PDB file of N, CA and C in Angstrom:
ATOM      1  N   UNK A   1      34.016  97.796 -37.686  1.00  0.00           N
ATOM      2  CA  UNK A   1      34.588  96.772 -36.964  1.00  0.00           C
ATOM      3  C   UNK A   1      34.040  96.960 -35.741  1.00  0.00           C
ATOM      4  N   UNK A   2      33.663  95.874 -35.131  1.00  0.00           N
ATOM      5  CA  UNK A   2      33.274  96.511 -33.376  1.00  0.00           C
ATOM      6  C   UNK A   2      34.315  96.428 -32.731  1.00  0.00           C
ATOM      7  N   UNK A   3      33.973  97.178 -31.440  1.00  0.00           N
ATOM      8  CA  UNK A   3      35.075  97.457 -30.600  1.00  0.00           C
ATOM      9  C   UNK A   3      35.218  96.253 -29.688  1.00  0.00           C
ATOM     10  N   UNK A   4      36.426  96.003 -28.948  1.00  0.00           N
ATOM     11  CA  UNK A   4      36.866  94.801 -28.662  1.00  0.00           C
ATOM     12  C   UNK A   4      37.568  95.698 -27.012  1.00  0.00           C
ATOM     13  N   UNK A   5      36.579  95.703 -25.612  1.00  0.00           N
ATOM     14  CA  UNK A   5      37.050  96.014 -24.352  1.00  0.00           C
ATOM     15  C   UNK A   5      38.209  95.749 -23.595  1.00  0.00           C
ATOM     16  N   UNK A   6      38.751  94.480 -23.852  1.00  0.00           N
ATOM     17  CA  UNK A   6      40.094  94.025 -23.743  1.00  0.00           C
ATOM     18  C   UNK A   6      41.496  94.871 -24.637  1.00  0.00           C
ATOM     19  N   UNK A   7      41.137  95.074 -26.151  1.00  0.00           N
ATOM     20  CA  UNK A   7      41.870  95.937 -27.021  1.00  0.00           C
ATOM     21  C   UNK A   7      41.979  97.294 -26.563  1.00  0.00           C
ATOM     22  N   UNK A   8      40.563  97.877 -26.231  1.00  0.00           N
ATOM     23  CA  UNK A   8      40.674  99.126 -25.926  1.00  0.00           C
ATOM     24  C   UNK A   8      41.224  98.977 -24.667  1.00  0.00           C
ATOM     25  N   UNK A   9      41.428  98.475 -23.591  1.00  0.00           N
ATOM     26  CA  UNK A   9      42.015  98.765 -22.274  1.00  0.00           C
ATOM     27  C   UNK A   9      43.395  98.933 -22.423  1.00  0.00           C
ATOM     28  N   UNK A  10      44.121  97.542 -23.127  1.00  0.00           N
ATOM     29  CA  UNK A  10      45.522  97.536 -23.627  1.00  0.00           C
ATOM     30  C   UNK A  10      46.145  98.889 -24.158  1.00  0.00           C
ATOM     31  N   UNK A  11      44.917  99.402 -25.457  1.00  0.00           N
ATOM     32  CA  UNK A  11      45.376 100.544 -25.670  1.00  0.00           C
ATOM     33  C   UNK A  11      45.453 101.658 -24.835  1.00  0.00           C
ATOM     34  N   UNK A  12      44.733 101.850 -23.974  1.00  0.00           N
ATOM     35  CA  UNK A  12      44.674 102.944 -22.810  1.00  0.00           C
ATOM     36  C   UNK A  12      45.967 103.034 -21.976  1.00  0.00           C
ATOM     37  N   UNK A  13      46.170 101.635 -21.525  1.00  0.00           N
ATOM     38  CA  UNK A  13      47.518 101.098 -20.484  1.00  0.00           C
ATOM     39  C   UNK A  13      48.524 101.538 -21.800  1.00  0.00           C
ATOM     40  N   UNK A  14      48.757 101.320 -22.883  1.00  0.00           N
ATOM     41  CA  UNK A  14      49.900 101.538 -23.606  1.00  0.00           C
ATOM     42  C   UNK A  14      49.911 102.992 -23.692  1.00  0.00           C
ATOM     43  N   UNK A  15      48.928 103.529 -24.147  1.00  0.00           N
ATOM     44  CA  UNK A  15      48.637 105.442 -24.569  1.00  0.00           C
ATOM     45  C   UNK A  15      49.069 106.210 -23.313  1.00  0.00           C
ATOM     46  N   UNK A  16      48.362 105.447 -22.193  1.00  0.00           N
ATOM     47  CA  UNK A  16      48.415 106.320 -20.851  1.00  0.00           C
ATOM     48  C   UNK A  16      49.380 106.182 -20.240  1.00  0.00           C
ATOM     49  N   UNK A  17      50.404 105.624 -20.429  1.00  0.00           N
ATOM     50  CA  UNK A  17      51.727 105.808 -19.435  1.00  0.00           C
ATOM     51  C   UNK A  17      52.760 105.877 -20.513  1.00  0.00           C
ATOM     52  N   UNK A  18      54.015 106.312 -19.927  1.00  0.00           N
ATOM     53  CA  UNK A  18      54.679 106.585 -20.574  1.00  0.00           C
ATOM     54  C   UNK A  18      56.053 105.160 -20.811  1.00  0.00           C
ATOM     55  N   UNK A  19      55.718 104.677 -19.629  1.00  0.00           N
ATOM     56  CA  UNK A  19      56.876 103.325 -19.932  1.00  0.00           C
ATOM     57  C   UNK A  19      55.706 102.239 -19.517  1.00  0.00           C
ATOM     58  N   UNK A  20      55.439 100.967 -19.746  1.00  0.00           N
ATOM     59  CA  UNK A  20      54.175 100.011 -19.752  1.00  0.00           C
ATOM     60  C   UNK A  20      55.176  98.431 -19.716  1.00  0.00           C
ATOM     61  N   UNK A  21      55.460  97.765 -18.558  1.00  0.00           N
ATOM     62  CA  UNK A  21      55.864  96.968 -18.845  1.00  0.00           C
ATOM     63  C   UNK A  21      54.959  95.443 -18.384  1.00  0.00           C
ATOM     64  N   UNK A  22      54.393  94.729 -19.461  1.00  0.00           N
ATOM     65  CA  UNK A  22      52.911  93.823 -19.546  1.00  0.00           C
ATOM     66  C   UNK A  22      54.200  92.537 -18.843  1.00  0.00           C
ATOM     67  N   UNK A  23      53.692  91.728 -17.612  1.00  0.00           N
ATOM     68  CA  UNK A  23      54.806  90.937 -17.248  1.00  0.00           C
ATOM     69  C   UNK A  23      54.107  90.120 -16.435  1.00  0.00           C
ATOM     70  N   UNK A  24      54.881  88.755 -16.031  1.00  0.00           N
ATOM     71  CA  UNK A  24      54.310  87.594 -14.916  1.00  0.00           C
ATOM     72  C   UNK A  24      54.736  87.904 -13.591  1.00  0.00           C
ATOM     73  N   UNK A  25      53.742  88.447 -13.002  1.00  0.00           N
ATOM     74  CA  UNK A  25      54.247  89.058 -11.405  1.00  0.00           C
ATOM     75  C   UNK A  25      54.296  90.451 -11.293  1.00  0.00           C
ATOM     76  N   UNK A  26      54.964  90.723 -10.543  1.00  0.00           N
ATOM     77  CA  UNK A  26      55.393  92.129 -10.530  1.00  0.00           C
ATOM     78  C   UNK A  26      56.634  92.259 -10.185  1.00  0.00           C
ATOM     79  N   UNK A  27      56.728  93.881 -10.270  1.00  0.00           N
ATOM     80  CA  UNK A  27      58.481  94.147 -10.275  1.00  0.00           C
ATOM     81  C   UNK A  27      58.843  93.644  -8.796  1.00  0.00           C
ATOM     82  N   UNK A  28      58.175  93.938  -7.984  1.00  0.00           N
ATOM     83  CA  UNK A  28      58.492  93.548  -6.480  1.00  0.00           C
ATOM     84  C   UNK A  28      58.716  91.829  -6.470  1.00  0.00           C
ATOM     85  N   UNK A  29      57.796  91.284  -6.889  1.00  0.00           N
ATOM     86  CA  UNK A  29      57.439  89.742  -7.222  1.00  0.00           C
ATOM     87  C   UNK A  29      57.244  89.243  -8.235  1.00  0.00           C
ATOM     88  N   UNK A  30      58.598  89.063  -9.450  1.00  0.00           N
ATOM     89  CA  UNK A  30      58.690  88.446 -10.814  1.00  0.00           C
ATOM     90  C   UNK A  30      58.195  87.135 -10.493  1.00  0.00           C
ATOM     91  N   UNK A  31      57.187  86.778 -11.365  1.00  0.00           N
ATOM     92  CA  UNK A  31      56.601  85.051 -11.194  1.00  0.00           C
ATOM     93  C   UNK A  31      57.419  84.806 -12.378  1.00  0.00           C
ATOM     94  N   UNK A  32      58.665  85.092 -13.115  1.00  0.00           N
ATOM     95  CA  UNK A  32      59.360  84.156 -14.118  1.00  0.00           C
ATOM     96  C   UNK A  32      60.932  85.147 -14.438  1.00  0.00           C
ATOM     97  N   UNK A  33      61.606  84.757 -15.130  1.00  0.00           N
ATOM     98  CA  UNK A  33      62.941  85.195 -15.071  1.00  0.00           C
ATOM     99  C   UNK A  33      63.300  86.148 -15.843  1.00  0.00           C
ATOM    100  N   UNK A  34      62.487  85.795 -16.965  1.00  0.00           N
ATOM    101  CA  UNK A  34      62.531  86.780 -18.189  1.00  0.00           C
ATOM    102  C   UNK A  34      61.884  88.178 -17.518  1.00  0.00           C
ATOM    103  N   UNK A  35      60.804  88.179 -17.053  1.00  0.00           N
ATOM    104  CA  UNK A  35      60.085  89.132 -16.490  1.00  0.00           C
ATOM    105  C   UNK A  35      61.065  90.121 -15.583  1.00  0.00           C
ATOM    106  N   UNK A  36      61.953  89.037 -14.329  1.00  0.00           N
ATOM    107  CA  UNK A  36      62.574  89.198 -13.336  1.00  0.00           C
ATOM    108  C   UNK A  36      63.813  90.380 -14.028  1.00  0.00           C
ATOM    109  N   UNK A  37      64.228  89.908 -14.973  1.00  0.00           N
ATOM    110  CA  UNK A  37      65.419  90.445 -15.905  1.00  0.00           C
ATOM    111  C   UNK A  37      65.215  91.685 -16.269  1.00  0.00           C
ATOM    112  N   UNK A  38      63.769  91.859 -17.144  1.00  0.00           N
ATOM    113  CA  UNK A  38      63.156  92.827 -18.120  1.00  0.00           C
ATOM    114  C   UNK A  38      62.942  94.144 -16.942  1.00  0.00           C
ATOM    115  N   UNK A  39      62.377  94.002 -15.467  1.00  0.00           N
ATOM    116  CA  UNK A  39      61.923  94.854 -14.753  1.00  0.00           C
ATOM    117  C   UNK A  39      63.689  95.150 -14.399  1.00  0.00           C
ATOM    118  N   UNK A  40      64.639  94.667 -13.863  1.00  0.00           N
ATOM    119  CA  UNK A  40      65.799  94.629 -13.291  1.00  0.00           C
ATOM    120  C   UNK A  40      66.570  95.664 -14.485  1.00  0.00           C
ATOM    121  N   UNK A  41      66.518  95.824 -15.407  1.00  0.00           N
ATOM    122  CA  UNK A  41      67.142  95.955 -16.782  1.00  0.00           C
ATOM    123  C   UNK A  41      66.353  97.533 -16.387  1.00  0.00           C
ATOM    124  N   UNK A  42      64.880  97.913 -16.748  1.00  0.00           N
ATOM    125  CA  UNK A  42      64.485  99.126 -16.639  1.00  0.00           C
ATOM    126  C   UNK A  42      64.882  99.570 -15.458  1.00  0.00           C
ATOM    127  N   UNK A  43      64.458  99.161 -14.100  1.00  0.00           N
ATOM    128  CA  UNK A  43      65.561  99.898 -12.817  1.00  0.00           C
ATOM    129  C   UNK A  43      66.486 100.625 -12.988  1.00  0.00           C
ATOM    130  N   UNK A  44      67.582  99.478 -13.277  1.00  0.00           N
ATOM    131  CA  UNK A  44      69.074 100.122 -13.582  1.00  0.00           C
ATOM    132  C   UNK A  44      68.981 100.933 -14.826  1.00  0.00           C
ATOM    133  N   UNK A  45      68.149 100.916 -15.631  1.00  0.00           N
ATOM    134  CA  UNK A  45      68.410 102.004 -16.519  1.00  0.00           C
ATOM    135  C   UNK A  45      67.788 103.694 -16.270  1.00  0.00           C
ATOM    136  N   UNK A  46      67.171 103.599 -14.937  1.00  0.00           N
ATOM    137  CA  UNK A  46      66.760 104.614 -14.397  1.00  0.00           C
ATOM    138  C   UNK A  46      65.159 104.924 -14.403  1.00  0.00           C
ATOM    139  N   UNK A  47      64.430 103.838 -14.807  1.00  0.00           N
ATOM    140  CA  UNK A  47      63.100 103.886 -14.840  1.00  0.00           C
ATOM    141  C   UNK A  47      62.710 103.775 -13.024  1.00  0.00           C
ATOM    142  N   UNK A  48      63.089 104.826 -12.720  1.00  0.00           N
ATOM    143  CA  UNK A  48      62.557 105.011 -10.862  1.00  0.00           C
ATOM    144  C   UNK A  48      60.881 104.413 -10.545  1.00  0.00           C
ATOM    145  N   UNK A  49      60.059 104.651 -11.642  1.00  0.00           N
ATOM    146  CA  UNK A  49      58.778 103.941 -11.514  1.00  0.00           C
ATOM    147  C   UNK A  49      58.388 103.901 -13.158  1.00  0.00           C
ATOM    148  N   UNK A  50      57.683 102.602 -12.890  1.00  0.00           N
ATOM    149  CA  UNK A  50      56.877 102.798 -14.368  1.00  0.00           C
ATOM    150  C   UNK A  50      55.976 101.478 -14.248  1.00  0.00           C
ATOM    151  N   UNK A  51      54.693 101.558 -14.743  1.00  0.00           N
ATOM    152  CA  UNK A  51      53.417 100.941 -14.857  1.00  0.00           C
ATOM    153  C   UNK A  51      53.683  99.613 -15.149  1.00  0.00           C
ATOM    154  N   UNK A  52      53.043  98.401 -14.580  1.00  0.00           N
ATOM    155  CA  UNK A  52      53.515  97.262 -14.773  1.00  0.00           C
ATOM    156  C   UNK A  52      52.049  96.626 -14.823  1.00  0.00           C
ATOM    157  N   UNK A  53      51.650  95.747 -15.728  1.00  0.00           N
ATOM    158  CA  UNK A  53      50.253  94.845 -15.730  1.00  0.00           C
ATOM    159  C   UNK A  53      51.009  92.749 -15.416  1.00  0.00           C
ATOM    160  N   UNK A  54      50.471  92.636 -14.605  1.00  0.00           N
ATOM    161  CA  UNK A  54      50.644  91.182 -14.252  1.00  0.00           C
ATOM    162  C   UNK A  54      49.631  90.519 -15.153  1.00  0.00           C
ATOM    163  N   UNK A  55      50.009  89.950 -15.703  1.00  0.00           N
ATOM    164  CA  UNK A  55      49.149  89.142 -16.813  1.00  0.00           C
ATOM    165  C   UNK A  55      48.909  88.210 -16.082  1.00  0.00           C
ATOM    166  N   UNK A  56      49.343  87.272 -15.357  1.00  0.00           N
ATOM    167  CA  UNK A  56      48.897  86.096 -14.616  1.00  0.00           C
ATOM    168  C   UNK A  56      47.557  86.457 -13.839  1.00  0.00           C
ATOM    169  N   UNK A  57      47.495  87.619 -13.583  1.00  0.00           N
ATOM    170  CA  UNK A  57      46.130  88.208 -12.667  1.00  0.00           C
ATOM    171  C   UNK A  57      44.824  88.763 -14.029  1.00  0.00           C
ATOM    172  N   UNK A  58      45.855  88.702 -15.128  1.00  0.00           N
ATOM    173  CA  UNK A  58      44.533  89.933 -15.993  1.00  0.00           C
ATOM    174  C   UNK A  58      44.493  88.498 -17.533  1.00  0.00           C
ATOM    175  N   UNK A  59      43.875  87.565 -16.921  1.00  0.00           N
ATOM    176  CA  UNK A  59      43.829  86.350 -18.452  1.00  0.00           C
ATOM    177  C   UNK A  59      43.190  86.890 -19.812  1.00  0.00           C
ATOM    178  N   UNK A  60      42.075  87.686 -19.816  1.00  0.00           N
ATOM    179  CA  UNK A  60      41.957  88.502 -21.131  1.00  0.00           C
ATOM    180  C   UNK A  60      43.307  89.213 -21.717  1.00  0.00           C
ATOM    181  N   UNK A  61      44.110  90.194 -21.044  1.00  0.00           N
ATOM    182  CA  UNK A  61      45.166  90.638 -21.361  1.00  0.00           C
ATOM    183  C   UNK A  61      46.282  89.887 -21.927  1.00  0.00           C
ATOM    184  N   UNK A  62      46.461  88.845 -20.765  1.00  0.00           N
ATOM    185  CA  UNK A  62      47.628  87.686 -21.627  1.00  0.00           C
ATOM    186  C   UNK A  62      47.055  87.237 -22.834  1.00  0.00           C
ATOM    187  N   UNK A  63      45.822  86.820 -22.863  1.00  0.00           N
ATOM    188  CA  UNK A  63      45.354  85.865 -24.124  1.00  0.00           C
ATOM    189  C   UNK A  63      45.343  87.346 -25.574  1.00  0.00           C
ATOM    190  N   UNK A  64      44.731  88.380 -25.433  1.00  0.00           N
ATOM    191  CA  UNK A  64      45.038  89.336 -26.378  1.00  0.00           C
ATOM    192  C   UNK A  64      46.135  89.789 -26.619  1.00  0.00           C
ATOM    193  N   UNK A  65      46.963  90.890 -25.648  1.00  0.00           N
ATOM    194  CA  UNK A  65      48.006  91.157 -25.966  1.00  0.00           C
ATOM    195  C   UNK A  65      48.845  90.585 -27.175  1.00  0.00           C
ATOM    196  N   UNK A  66      49.515  89.206 -27.114  1.00  0.00           N
ATOM    197  CA  UNK A  66      49.891  89.417 -28.274  1.00  0.00           C
ATOM    198  C   UNK A  66      49.741  89.566 -29.900  1.00  0.00           C
ATOM    199  N   UNK A  67      48.174  89.396 -29.645  1.00  0.00           N
ATOM    200  CA  UNK A  67      47.277  90.262 -30.863  1.00  0.00           C
ATOM    201  C   UNK A  67      47.525  91.528 -30.695  1.00  0.00           C
ATOM    202  N   UNK A  68      47.576  92.340 -30.019  1.00  0.00           N
ATOM    203  CA  UNK A  68      47.702  93.954 -29.983  1.00  0.00           C
ATOM    204  C   UNK A  68      48.926  94.012 -30.503  1.00  0.00           C
ATOM    205  N   UNK A  69      50.011  93.512 -30.190  1.00  0.00           N
ATOM    206  CA  UNK A  69      51.547  93.441 -30.320  1.00  0.00           C
ATOM    207  C   UNK A  69      52.051  92.796 -31.655  1.00  0.00           C
ATOM    208  N   UNK A  70      51.394  91.979 -32.176  1.00  0.00           N
ATOM    209  CA  UNK A  70      52.224  91.190 -32.784  1.00  0.00           C
ATOM    210  C   UNK A  70      53.212  90.471 -32.229  1.00  0.00           C
ATOM    211  N   UNK A  71      53.566  90.135 -31.022  1.00  0.00           N
ATOM    212  CA  UNK A  71      54.518  89.640 -30.282  1.00  0.00           C
ATOM    213  C   UNK A  71      54.437  88.733 -29.409  1.00  0.00           C
ATOM    214  N   UNK A  72      54.387  87.107 -29.443  1.00  0.00           N
ATOM    215  CA  UNK A  72      53.869  86.533 -28.777  1.00  0.00           C
ATOM    216  C   UNK A  72      54.497  85.864 -27.365  1.00  0.00           C
ATOM    217  N   UNK A  73      55.141  86.745 -26.629  1.00  0.00           N
ATOM    218  CA  UNK A  73      56.046  86.288 -25.627  1.00  0.00           C
ATOM    219  C   UNK A  73      55.743  87.366 -24.428  1.00  0.00           C
ATOM    220  N   UNK A  74      56.010  86.917 -23.380  1.00  0.00           N
ATOM    221  CA  UNK A  74      55.842  87.841 -22.486  1.00  0.00           C
ATOM    222  C   UNK A  74      57.516  87.889 -21.525  1.00  0.00           C
ATOM    223  N   UNK A  75      57.820  88.675 -20.964  1.00  0.00           N
ATOM    224  CA  UNK A  75      57.066  90.302 -20.858  1.00  0.00           C
ATOM    225  C   UNK A  75      57.263  91.078 -22.069  1.00  0.00           C
ATOM    226  N   UNK A  76      56.376  92.252 -22.278  1.00  0.00           N
ATOM    227  CA  UNK A  76      56.173  92.893 -23.229  1.00  0.00           C
ATOM    228  C   UNK A  76      56.661  94.577 -22.899  1.00  0.00           C
ATOM    229  N   UNK A  77      57.243  95.445 -23.337  1.00  0.00           N
ATOM    230  CA  UNK A  77      57.753  96.551 -23.125  1.00  0.00           C
ATOM    231  C   UNK A  77      57.264  97.760 -24.035  1.00  0.00           C
ATOM    232  N   UNK A  78      56.881  98.991 -23.529  1.00  0.00           N
ATOM    233  CA  UNK A  78      56.268  99.292 -24.272  1.00  0.00           C
ATOM    234  C   UNK A  78      56.744 101.070 -23.678  1.00  0.00           C
ATOM    235  N   UNK A  79      57.648 101.810 -24.493  1.00  0.00           N
ATOM    236  CA  UNK A  79      57.612 103.254 -24.328  1.00  0.00           C
ATOM    237  C   UNK A  79      57.116 103.719 -24.843  1.00  0.00           C
ATOM    238  N   UNK A  80      56.504 105.197 -24.705  1.00  0.00           N
ATOM    239  CA  UNK A  80      56.233 106.208 -25.200  1.00  0.00           C
ATOM    240  C   UNK A  80      55.218 105.596 -26.891  1.00  0.00           C
ATOM    241  N   UNK A  81      54.148 104.145 -26.132  1.00  0.00           N
ATOM    242  CA  UNK A  81      53.221 103.675 -27.163  1.00  0.00           C
ATOM    243  C   UNK A  81      53.830 102.688 -27.609  1.00  0.00           C
ATOM    244  N   UNK A  82      55.111 103.029 -28.021  1.00  0.00           N
ATOM    245  CA  UNK A  82      55.471 101.639 -28.738  1.00  0.00           C
ATOM    246  C   UNK A  82      56.121 100.519 -28.266  1.00  0.00           C
ATOM    247  N   UNK A  83      55.850  99.246 -29.158  1.00  0.00           N
ATOM    248  CA  UNK A  83      56.463  98.247 -28.501  1.00  0.00           C
ATOM    249  C   UNK A  83      57.664  98.483 -28.847  1.00  0.00           C
ATOM    250  N   UNK A  84      58.533  97.719 -27.673  1.00  0.00           N
ATOM    251  CA  UNK A  84      60.147  98.032 -27.872  1.00  0.00           C
ATOM    252  C   UNK A  84      60.509  96.398 -27.873  1.00  0.00           C
ATOM    253  N   UNK A  85      59.693  95.575 -27.009  1.00  0.00           N
ATOM    254  CA  UNK A  85      60.170  94.147 -27.291  1.00  0.00           C
ATOM    255  C   UNK A  85      59.946  93.400 -26.093  1.00  0.00           C
ATOM    256  N   UNK A  86      60.822  91.961 -25.854  1.00  0.00           N
ATOM    257  CA  UNK A  86      60.774  91.325 -24.635  1.00  0.00           C
ATOM    258  C   UNK A  86      61.723  91.640 -24.169  1.00  0.00           C
ATOM    259  N   UNK A  87      62.288  90.930 -23.320  1.00  0.00           N
ATOM    260  CA  UNK A  87      62.973  90.458 -22.616  1.00  0.00           C
ATOM    261  C   UNK A  87      64.578  90.476 -22.813  1.00  0.00           C
ATOM    262  N   UNK A  88      65.198  90.040 -24.172  1.00  0.00           N
ATOM    263  CA  UNK A  88      66.431  89.914 -24.686  1.00  0.00           C
ATOM    264  C   UNK A  88      66.452  91.254 -25.114  1.00  0.00           C
ATOM    265  N   UNK A  89      65.598  92.065 -25.805  1.00  0.00           N
ATOM    266  CA  UNK A  89      65.860  92.986 -26.342  1.00  0.00           C
ATOM    267  C   UNK A  89      66.313  93.619 -25.467  1.00  0.00           C
ATOM    268  N   UNK A  90      65.641  94.356 -24.360  1.00  0.00           N
ATOM    269  CA  UNK A  90      65.436  95.264 -23.078  1.00  0.00           C
ATOM    270  C   UNK A  90      66.938  94.743 -22.708  1.00  0.00           C
ATOM    271  N   UNK A  91      67.406  93.513 -22.733  1.00  0.00           N
ATOM    272  CA  UNK A  91      68.466  93.703 -21.642  1.00  0.00           C
ATOM    273  C   UNK A  91      69.707  94.190 -23.299  1.00  0.00           C
ATOM    274  N   UNK A  92      69.161  93.729 -24.280  1.00  0.00           N
ATOM    275  CA  UNK A  92      70.221  94.150 -25.016  1.00  0.00           C
ATOM    276  C   UNK A  92      70.487  96.113 -24.986  1.00  0.00           C
ATOM    277  N   UNK A  93      69.814  96.518 -25.215  1.00  0.00           N
ATOM    278  CA  UNK A  93      69.079  98.110 -24.704  1.00  0.00           C
ATOM    279  C   UNK A  93      69.703  98.402 -23.798  1.00  0.00           C
ATOM    280  N   UNK A  94      69.605  97.615 -22.458  1.00  0.00           N
ATOM    281  CA  UNK A  94      70.327  98.268 -21.159  1.00  0.00           C
ATOM    282  C   UNK A  94      71.720  98.280 -21.272  1.00  0.00           C
ATOM    283  N   UNK A  95      72.355  97.195 -22.095  1.00  0.00           N
ATOM    284  CA  UNK A  95      73.713  96.756 -22.276  1.00  0.00           C
ATOM    285  C   UNK A  95      74.742  97.843 -22.835  1.00  0.00           C
ATOM    286  N   UNK A  96      73.675  98.256 -24.155  1.00  0.00           N
ATOM    287  CA  UNK A  96      74.256  99.252 -25.002  1.00  0.00           C
ATOM    288  C   UNK A  96      73.933 100.575 -24.682  1.00  0.00           C
ATOM    289  N   UNK A  97      72.934 100.656 -23.456  1.00  0.00           N
ATOM    290  CA  UNK A  97      73.317 102.261 -22.922  1.00  0.00           C
ATOM    291  C   UNK A  97      71.883 102.774 -23.288  1.00  0.00           C
ATOM    292  N   UNK A  98      70.844 102.207 -24.366  1.00  0.00           N
ATOM    293  CA  UNK A  98      69.920 102.800 -25.066  1.00  0.00           C
ATOM    294  C   UNK A  98      69.208 102.730 -24.378  1.00  0.00           C
ATOM    295  N   UNK A  99      68.470 102.000 -23.706  1.00  0.00           N
ATOM    296  CA  UNK A  99      67.320 102.179 -22.569  1.00  0.00           C
ATOM    297  C   UNK A  99      67.299 103.218 -21.553  1.00  0.00           C
ATOM    298  N   UNK A 100      68.899 103.509 -21.340  1.00  0.00           N
ATOM    299  CA  UNK A 100      69.116 104.617 -20.141  1.00  0.00           C
ATOM    300  C   UNK A 100      68.539 105.853 -20.766  1.00  0.00           C
ATOM    301  N   UNK A 101      68.993 106.173 -22.014  1.00  0.00           N
ATOM    302  CA  UNK A 101      68.440 107.247 -22.800  1.00  0.00           C
ATOM    303  C   UNK A 101      66.834 107.176 -23.369  1.00  0.00           C
ATOM    304  N   UNK A 102      66.154 105.946 -23.236  1.00  0.00           N
ATOM    305  CA  UNK A 102      64.861 105.849 -23.617  1.00  0.00           C
ATOM    306  C   UNK A 102      64.106 106.178 -22.411  1.00  0.00           C
ATOM    307  N   UNK A 103      64.540 105.627 -21.479  1.00  0.00           N
ATOM    308  CA  UNK A 103      63.555 105.819 -20.288  1.00  0.00           C
ATOM    309  C   UNK A 103      64.003 107.561 -19.866  1.00  0.00           C
ATOM    310  N   UNK A 104      65.053 108.118 -19.658  1.00  0.00           N
ATOM    311  CA  UNK A 104      65.130 109.333 -19.438  1.00  0.00           C
ATOM    312  C   UNK A 104      64.061 110.219 -20.691  1.00  0.00           C
ATOM    313  N   UNK A 105      64.180 110.114 -21.717  1.00  0.00           N
ATOM    314  CA  UNK A 105      63.338 110.861 -22.663  1.00  0.00           C
ATOM    315  C   UNK A 105      61.749 110.930 -22.539  1.00  0.00           C
ATOM    316  N   UNK A 106      61.364 109.437 -22.100  1.00  0.00           N
ATOM    317  CA  UNK A 106      59.905 109.001 -21.848  1.00  0.00           C
ATOM    318  C   UNK A 106      59.235 109.850 -20.548  1.00  0.00           C
ATOM    319  N   UNK A 107      60.491 109.660 -19.319  1.00  0.00           N
ATOM    320  CA  UNK A 107      60.248 110.337 -18.137  1.00  0.00           C
ATOM    321  C   UNK A 107      60.030 111.846 -18.385  1.00  0.00           C
ATOM    322  N   UNK A 108      60.611 112.333 -19.215  1.00  0.00           N
ATOM    323  CA  UNK A 108      60.845 113.578 -19.075  1.00  0.00           C
ATOM    324  C   UNK A 108      59.701 113.977 -20.345  1.00  0.00           C
ATOM    325  N   UNK A 109      59.172 113.459 -20.800  1.00  0.00           N
ATOM    326  CA  UNK A 109      58.523 113.677 -21.265  1.00  0.00           C
ATOM    327  C   UNK A 109      56.719 113.815 -20.975  1.00  0.00           C
ATOM    328  N   UNK A 110      56.798 112.865 -19.758  1.00  0.00           N
ATOM    329  CA  UNK A 110      55.533 112.604 -18.748  1.00  0.00           C
ATOM    330  C   UNK A 110      55.334 113.619 -18.084  1.00  0.00           C
TER     331      UNK A 110
END
């Protein structure tokens, strides 16, 4: 199978950072409500810093990430290389306290 540079970049981003949020906009300036809620949940769960990628500025990533993750929508949260999910799952995990545990473990391991 031929190497795809965009898929390779996605893989290196996901594996190179303990917490990665692919979102529309940035944590400081989210460009959609779902991305805003997901990044707020991460911050509230104790993720003082996390790697984010603005898919609006990265059309190749925006086009290929759903194939990589098998998840159709944005935002997409990855912790320790594993897809956690989108906004609703991230917020549910935050409300249950599970996201804080996951974030804490990811930051300790980093």
